[in-house]
């Protein structure tokens, strides 16, 4: 899908594997969004625990 970047990894919390997903959304706009999510069931379900909305700075700034 155009305008979306998906990055995944497997980390650990204690001895338990945790899947981590980072999404860059609306990258083809001036207001992209970044999301972080975790999964403890191998990626079947995701718990989004962090989001950031960005706005491009003016070229005059």
PDB file of N, CA and C in Angstrom:
ATOM      1  N   UNK A   1       0.854  -1.186   0.000  1.00  0.00           N
ATOM      2  CA  UNK A   1       0.000   0.000   0.000  1.00  0.00           C
ATOM      3  C   UNK A   1       0.893   1.239   0.000  1.00  0.00           C
ATOM      4  N   UNK A   2       0.623   2.166  -0.875  1.00  0.00           N
ATOM      5  CA  UNK A   2       1.398   3.399  -0.982  1.00  0.00           C
ATOM      6  C   UNK A   2       1.145   4.290   0.227  1.00  0.00           C
ATOM      7  N   UNK A   3       2.201   4.888   0.767  1.00  0.00           N
ATOM      8  CA  UNK A   3       2.057   5.798   1.894  1.00  0.00           C
ATOM      9  C   UNK A   3       2.097   5.110   3.241  1.00  0.00           C
ATOM     10  N   UNK A   4       2.438   3.807   3.278  1.00  0.00           N
ATOM     11  CA  UNK A   4       2.494   3.050   4.537  1.00  0.00           C
ATOM     12  C   UNK A   4       3.824   2.318   4.609  1.00  0.00           C
ATOM     13  N   UNK A   5       4.479   2.423   5.762  1.00  0.00           N
ATOM     14  CA  UNK A   5       5.687   1.647   6.024  1.00  0.00           C
ATOM     15  C   UNK A   5       5.448   0.786   7.242  1.00  0.00           C
ATOM     16  N   UNK A   6       5.725  -0.511   7.139  1.00  0.00           N
ATOM     17  CA  UNK A   6       5.515  -1.441   8.250  1.00  0.00           C
ATOM     18  C   UNK A   6       6.845  -2.073   8.613  1.00  0.00           C
ATOM     19  N   UNK A   7       7.195  -1.988   9.886  1.00  0.00           N
ATOM     20  CA  UNK A   7       8.440  -2.545  10.395  1.00  0.00           C
ATOM     21  C   UNK A   7       8.097  -3.451  11.565  1.00  0.00           C
ATOM     22  N   UNK A   8       8.614  -4.673  11.559  1.00  0.00           N
ATOM     23  CA  UNK A   8       8.297  -5.627  12.624  1.00  0.00           C
ATOM     24  C   UNK A   8       9.579  -6.242  13.176  1.00  0.00           C
ATOM     25  N   UNK A   9       9.479  -6.717  14.405  1.00  0.00           N
ATOM     26  CA  UNK A   9      10.602  -7.385  15.063  1.00  0.00           C
ATOM     27  C   UNK A   9      10.050  -8.269  16.165  1.00  0.00           C
ATOM     28  N   UNK A  10      10.882  -9.163  16.650  1.00  0.00           N
ATOM     29  CA  UNK A  10      10.533  -9.974  17.816  1.00  0.00           C
ATOM     30  C   UNK A  10      11.509  -9.604  18.917  1.00  0.00           C
ATOM     31  N   UNK A  11      10.961  -9.246  20.064  1.00  0.00           N
ATOM     32  CA  UNK A  11      11.752  -8.878  21.235  1.00  0.00           C
ATOM     33  C   UNK A  11      11.368  -9.830  22.353  1.00  0.00           C
ATOM     34  N   UNK A  12      11.862  -9.596  23.536  1.00  0.00           N
ATOM     35  CA  UNK A  12      11.470 -10.392  24.694  1.00  0.00           C
ATOM     36  C   UNK A  12      11.105  -9.478  25.847  1.00  0.00           C
ATOM     37  N   UNK A  13      10.194  -9.952  26.642  1.00  0.00           N
ATOM     38  CA  UNK A  13       9.837  -9.315  27.904  1.00  0.00           C
ATOM     39  C   UNK A  13      10.002 -10.390  28.964  1.00  0.00           C
ATOM     40  N   UNK A  14      11.093 -10.304  29.711  1.00  0.00           N
ATOM     41  CA  UNK A  14      11.455 -11.430  30.566  1.00  0.00           C
ATOM     42  C   UNK A  14      11.887 -12.558  29.648  1.00  0.00           C
ATOM     43  N   UNK A  15      11.264 -13.697  29.763  1.00  0.00           N
ATOM     44  CA  UNK A  15      11.567 -14.825  28.876  1.00  0.00           C
ATOM     45  C   UNK A  15      10.520 -14.987  27.772  1.00  0.00           C
ATOM     46  N   UNK A  16       9.510 -14.136  27.765  1.00  0.00           N
ATOM     47  CA  UNK A  16       8.394 -14.264  26.816  1.00  0.00           C
ATOM     48  C   UNK A  16       8.674 -13.498  25.530  1.00  0.00           C
ATOM     49  N   UNK A  17       8.500 -14.124  24.362  1.00  0.00           N
ATOM     50  CA  UNK A  17       8.663 -13.388  23.106  1.00  0.00           C
ATOM     51  C   UNK A  17       7.508 -12.405  22.899  1.00  0.00           C
ATOM     52  N   UNK A  18       7.841 -11.226  22.436  1.00  0.00           N
ATOM     53  CA  UNK A  18       6.858 -10.185  22.170  1.00  0.00           C
ATOM     54  C   UNK A  18       7.111  -9.667  20.758  1.00  0.00           C
ATOM     55  N   UNK A  19       6.075  -9.696  19.924  1.00  0.00           N
ATOM     56  CA  UNK A  19       6.184  -9.146  18.579  1.00  0.00           C
ATOM     57  C   UNK A  19       5.932  -7.643  18.662  1.00  0.00           C
ATOM     58  N   UNK A  20       6.748  -6.891  17.956  1.00  0.00           N
ATOM     59  CA  UNK A  20       6.667  -5.433  17.958  1.00  0.00           C
ATOM     60  C   UNK A  20       6.425  -4.976  16.526  1.00  0.00           C
ATOM     61  N   UNK A  21       5.528  -4.011  16.363  1.00  0.00           N
ATOM     62  CA  UNK A  21       5.228  -3.480  15.027  1.00  0.00           C
ATOM     63  C   UNK A  21       5.230  -1.962  15.083  1.00  0.00           C
ATOM     64  N   UNK A  22       5.907  -1.363  14.113  1.00  0.00           N
ATOM     65  CA  UNK A  22       5.904   0.082  13.952  1.00  0.00           C
ATOM     66  C   UNK A  22       5.307   0.387  12.588  1.00  0.00           C
ATOM     67  N   UNK A  23       4.350   1.289  12.556  1.00  0.00           N
ATOM     68  CA  UNK A  23       3.715   1.689  11.306  1.00  0.00           C
ATOM     69  C   UNK A  23       3.967   3.167  11.056  1.00  0.00           C
ATOM     70  N   UNK A  24       4.341   3.488   9.831  1.00  0.00           N
ATOM     71  CA  UNK A  24       4.319   4.860   9.348  1.00  0.00           C
ATOM     72  C   UNK A  24       3.137   4.939   8.395  1.00  0.00           C
ATOM     73  N   UNK A  25       2.183   5.795   8.714  1.00  0.00           N
ATOM     74  CA  UNK A  25       0.962   5.934   7.922  1.00  0.00           C
ATOM     75  C   UNK A  25       0.905   7.316   7.287  1.00  0.00           C
ATOM     76  N   UNK A  26       0.211   7.413   6.178  1.00  0.00           N
ATOM     77  CA  UNK A  26       0.025   8.689   5.459  1.00  0.00           C
ATOM     78  C   UNK A  26       1.363   9.351   5.143  1.00  0.00           C
ATOM     79  N   UNK A  27       2.365   8.560   4.771  1.00  0.00           N
ATOM     80  CA  UNK A  27       3.686   9.124   4.491  1.00  0.00           C
ATOM     81  C   UNK A  27       3.699   9.974   3.231  1.00  0.00           C
ATOM     82  N   UNK A  28       2.667   9.860   2.425  1.00  0.00           N
ATOM     83  CA  UNK A  28       2.567  10.652   1.204  1.00  0.00           C
ATOM     84  C   UNK A  28       1.803  11.958   1.430  1.00  0.00           C
ATOM     85  N   UNK A  29       1.609  12.335   2.702  1.00  0.00           N
ATOM     86  CA  UNK A  29       0.916  13.581   3.039  1.00  0.00           C
ATOM     87  C   UNK A  29       1.845  14.462   3.875  1.00  0.00           C
ATOM     88  N   UNK A  30       1.384  15.647   4.205  1.00  0.00           N
ATOM     89  CA  UNK A  30       2.174  16.541   5.065  1.00  0.00           C
ATOM     90  C   UNK A  30       1.905  16.283   6.542  1.00  0.00           C
ATOM     91  N   UNK A  31       1.061  15.277   6.845  1.00  0.00           N
ATOM     92  CA  UNK A  31       0.737  14.948   8.243  1.00  0.00           C
ATOM     93  C   UNK A  31       0.853  13.443   8.490  1.00  0.00           C
ATOM     94  N   UNK A  32       2.074  12.893   8.409  1.00  0.00           N
ATOM     95  CA  UNK A  32       2.229  11.454   8.648  1.00  0.00           C
ATOM     96  C   UNK A  32       1.961  11.080  10.102  1.00  0.00           C
ATOM     97  N   UNK A  33       1.697   9.800  10.308  1.00  0.00           N
ATOM     98  CA  UNK A  33       1.402   9.272  11.650  1.00  0.00           C
ATOM     99  C   UNK A  33       2.290   8.064  11.896  1.00  0.00           C
ATOM    100  N   UNK A  34       2.792   7.935  13.133  1.00  0.00           N
ATOM    101  CA  UNK A  34       3.618   6.812  13.544  1.00  0.00           C
ATOM    102  C   UNK A  34       2.874   6.074  14.654  1.00  0.00           C
ATOM    103  N   UNK A  35       2.864   4.743  14.592  1.00  0.00           N
ATOM    104  CA  UNK A  35       2.204   3.940  15.627  1.00  0.00           C
ATOM    105  C   UNK A  35       3.121   2.800  16.053  1.00  0.00           C
ATOM    106  N   UNK A  36       3.083   2.488  17.339  1.00  0.00           N
ATOM    107  CA  UNK A  36       3.799   1.337  17.889  1.00  0.00           C
ATOM    108  C   UNK A  36       2.767   0.395  18.499  1.00  0.00           C
ATOM    109  N   UNK A  37       2.916  -0.908  18.228  1.00  0.00           N
ATOM    110  CA  UNK A  37       2.001  -1.902  18.789  1.00  0.00           C
ATOM    111  C   UNK A  37       2.785  -3.135  19.217  1.00  0.00           C
ATOM    112  N   UNK A  38       2.236  -3.855  20.183  1.00  0.00           N
ATOM    113  CA  UNK A  38       2.840  -5.078  20.698  1.00  0.00           C
ATOM    114  C   UNK A  38       1.843  -6.222  20.572  1.00  0.00           C
ATOM    115  N   UNK A  39       2.380  -7.442  20.396  1.00  0.00           N
ATOM    116  CA  UNK A  39       1.546  -8.636  20.323  1.00  0.00           C
ATOM    117  C   UNK A  39       2.202  -9.743  21.141  1.00  0.00           C
ATOM    118  N   UNK A  40       1.416 -10.368  22.017  1.00  0.00           N
ATOM    119  CA  UNK A  40       1.939 -11.495  22.800  1.00  0.00           C
ATOM    120  C   UNK A  40       1.396 -12.833  22.287  1.00  0.00           C
ATOM    121  N   UNK A  41       0.619 -12.783  21.185  1.00  0.00           N
ATOM    122  CA  UNK A  41       0.062 -14.026  20.628  1.00  0.00           C
ATOM    123  C   UNK A  41       0.571 -14.281  19.215  1.00  0.00           C
ATOM    124  N   UNK A  42       1.815 -13.876  18.963  1.00  0.00           N
ATOM    125  CA  UNK A  42       2.419 -14.157  17.663  1.00  0.00           C
ATOM    126  C   UNK A  42       1.921 -13.303  16.523  1.00  0.00           C
ATOM    127  N   UNK A  43       1.309 -12.170  16.822  1.00  0.00           N
ATOM    128  CA  UNK A  43       0.828 -11.272  15.780  1.00  0.00           C
ATOM    129  C   UNK A  43      -0.627 -11.468  15.402  1.00  0.00           C
ATOM    130  N   UNK A  44      -1.338 -12.327  16.123  1.00  0.00           N
ATOM    131  CA  UNK A  44      -2.780 -12.504  15.851  1.00  0.00           C
ATOM    132  C   UNK A  44      -3.556 -11.248  16.219  1.00  0.00           C
ATOM    133  N   UNK A  45      -3.219 -10.650  17.363  1.00  0.00           N
ATOM    134  CA  UNK A  45      -3.851  -9.406  17.799  1.00  0.00           C
ATOM    135  C   UNK A  45      -2.754  -8.439  18.200  1.00  0.00           C
ATOM    136  N   UNK A  46      -3.048  -7.145  18.070  1.00  0.00           N
ATOM    137  CA  UNK A  46      -2.077  -6.105  18.358  1.00  0.00           C
ATOM    138  C   UNK A  46      -2.662  -5.112  19.351  1.00  0.00           C
ATOM    139  N   UNK A  47      -1.819  -4.648  20.272  1.00  0.00           N
ATOM    140  CA  UNK A  47      -2.195  -3.616  21.233  1.00  0.00           C
ATOM    141  C   UNK A  47      -1.368  -2.374  20.918  1.00  0.00           C
ATOM    142  N   UNK A  48      -1.993  -1.387  20.306  1.00  0.00           N
ATOM    143  CA  UNK A  48      -1.302  -0.139  19.998  1.00  0.00           C
ATOM    144  C   UNK A  48      -1.133   0.644  21.288  1.00  0.00           C
ATOM    145  N   UNK A  49       0.129   0.945  21.622  1.00  0.00           N
ATOM    146  CA  UNK A  49       0.382   1.620  22.896  1.00  0.00           C
ATOM    147  C   UNK A  49       1.068   2.971  22.726  1.00  0.00           C
ATOM    148  N   UNK A  50       1.294   3.399  21.486  1.00  0.00           N
ATOM    149  CA  UNK A  50       1.921   4.697  21.289  1.00  0.00           C
ATOM    150  C   UNK A  50       1.599   5.187  19.888  1.00  0.00           C
ATOM    151  N   UNK A  51       1.204   6.447  19.770  1.00  0.00           N
ATOM    152  CA  UNK A  51       0.981   7.069  18.468  1.00  0.00           C
ATOM    153  C   UNK A  51       1.582   8.466  18.478  1.00  0.00           C
ATOM    154  N   UNK A  52       2.033   8.912  17.325  1.00  0.00           N
ATOM    155  CA  UNK A  52       2.514  10.279  17.168  1.00  0.00           C
ATOM    156  C   UNK A  52       2.034  10.797  15.820  1.00  0.00           C
ATOM    157  N   UNK A  53       1.491  12.006  15.831  1.00  0.00           N
ATOM    158  CA  UNK A  53       1.084  12.668  14.606  1.00  0.00           C
ATOM    159  C   UNK A  53       2.084  13.792  14.308  1.00  0.00           C
ATOM    160  N   UNK A  54       2.528  13.852  13.062  1.00  0.00           N
ATOM    161  CA  UNK A  54       3.538  14.819  12.662  1.00  0.00           C
ATOM    162  C   UNK A  54       2.950  15.830  11.695  1.00  0.00           C
ATOM    163  N   UNK A  55       3.570  16.996  11.647  1.00  0.00           N
ATOM    164  CA  UNK A  55       3.208  18.036  10.699  1.00  0.00           C
ATOM    165  C   UNK A  55       4.496  18.608  10.133  1.00  0.00           C
ATOM    166  N   UNK A  56       4.579  18.693   8.819  1.00  0.00           N
ATOM    167  CA  UNK A  56       5.789  19.216   8.199  1.00  0.00           C
ATOM    168  C   UNK A  56       5.986  20.677   8.590  1.00  0.00           C
ATOM    169  N   UNK A  57       7.223  21.017   8.906  1.00  0.00           N
ATOM    170  CA  UNK A  57       7.562  22.394   9.235  1.00  0.00           C
ATOM    171  C   UNK A  57       7.602  23.225   7.963  1.00  0.00           C
ATOM    172  N   UNK A  58       7.333  24.481   8.105  1.00  0.00           N
ATOM    173  CA  UNK A  58       7.395  25.386   6.968  1.00  0.00           C
ATOM    174  C   UNK A  58       8.838  25.506   6.496  1.00  0.00           C
ATOM    175  N   UNK A  59       9.016  25.653   5.203  1.00  0.00           N
ATOM    176  CA  UNK A  59      10.355  25.832   4.646  1.00  0.00           C
ATOM    177  C   UNK A  59      10.951  27.163   5.081  1.00  0.00           C
ATOM    178  N   UNK A  60      10.096  28.082   5.538  1.00  0.00           N
ATOM    179  CA  UNK A  60      10.563  29.400   5.985  1.00  0.00           C
ATOM    180  C   UNK A  60      11.027  29.399   7.430  1.00  0.00           C
ATOM    181  N   UNK A  61      10.799  28.287   8.147  1.00  0.00           N
ATOM    182  CA  UNK A  61      11.124  28.261   9.586  1.00  0.00           C
ATOM    183  C   UNK A  61      12.617  28.193   9.820  1.00  0.00           C
TER     184      UNK A  61
END
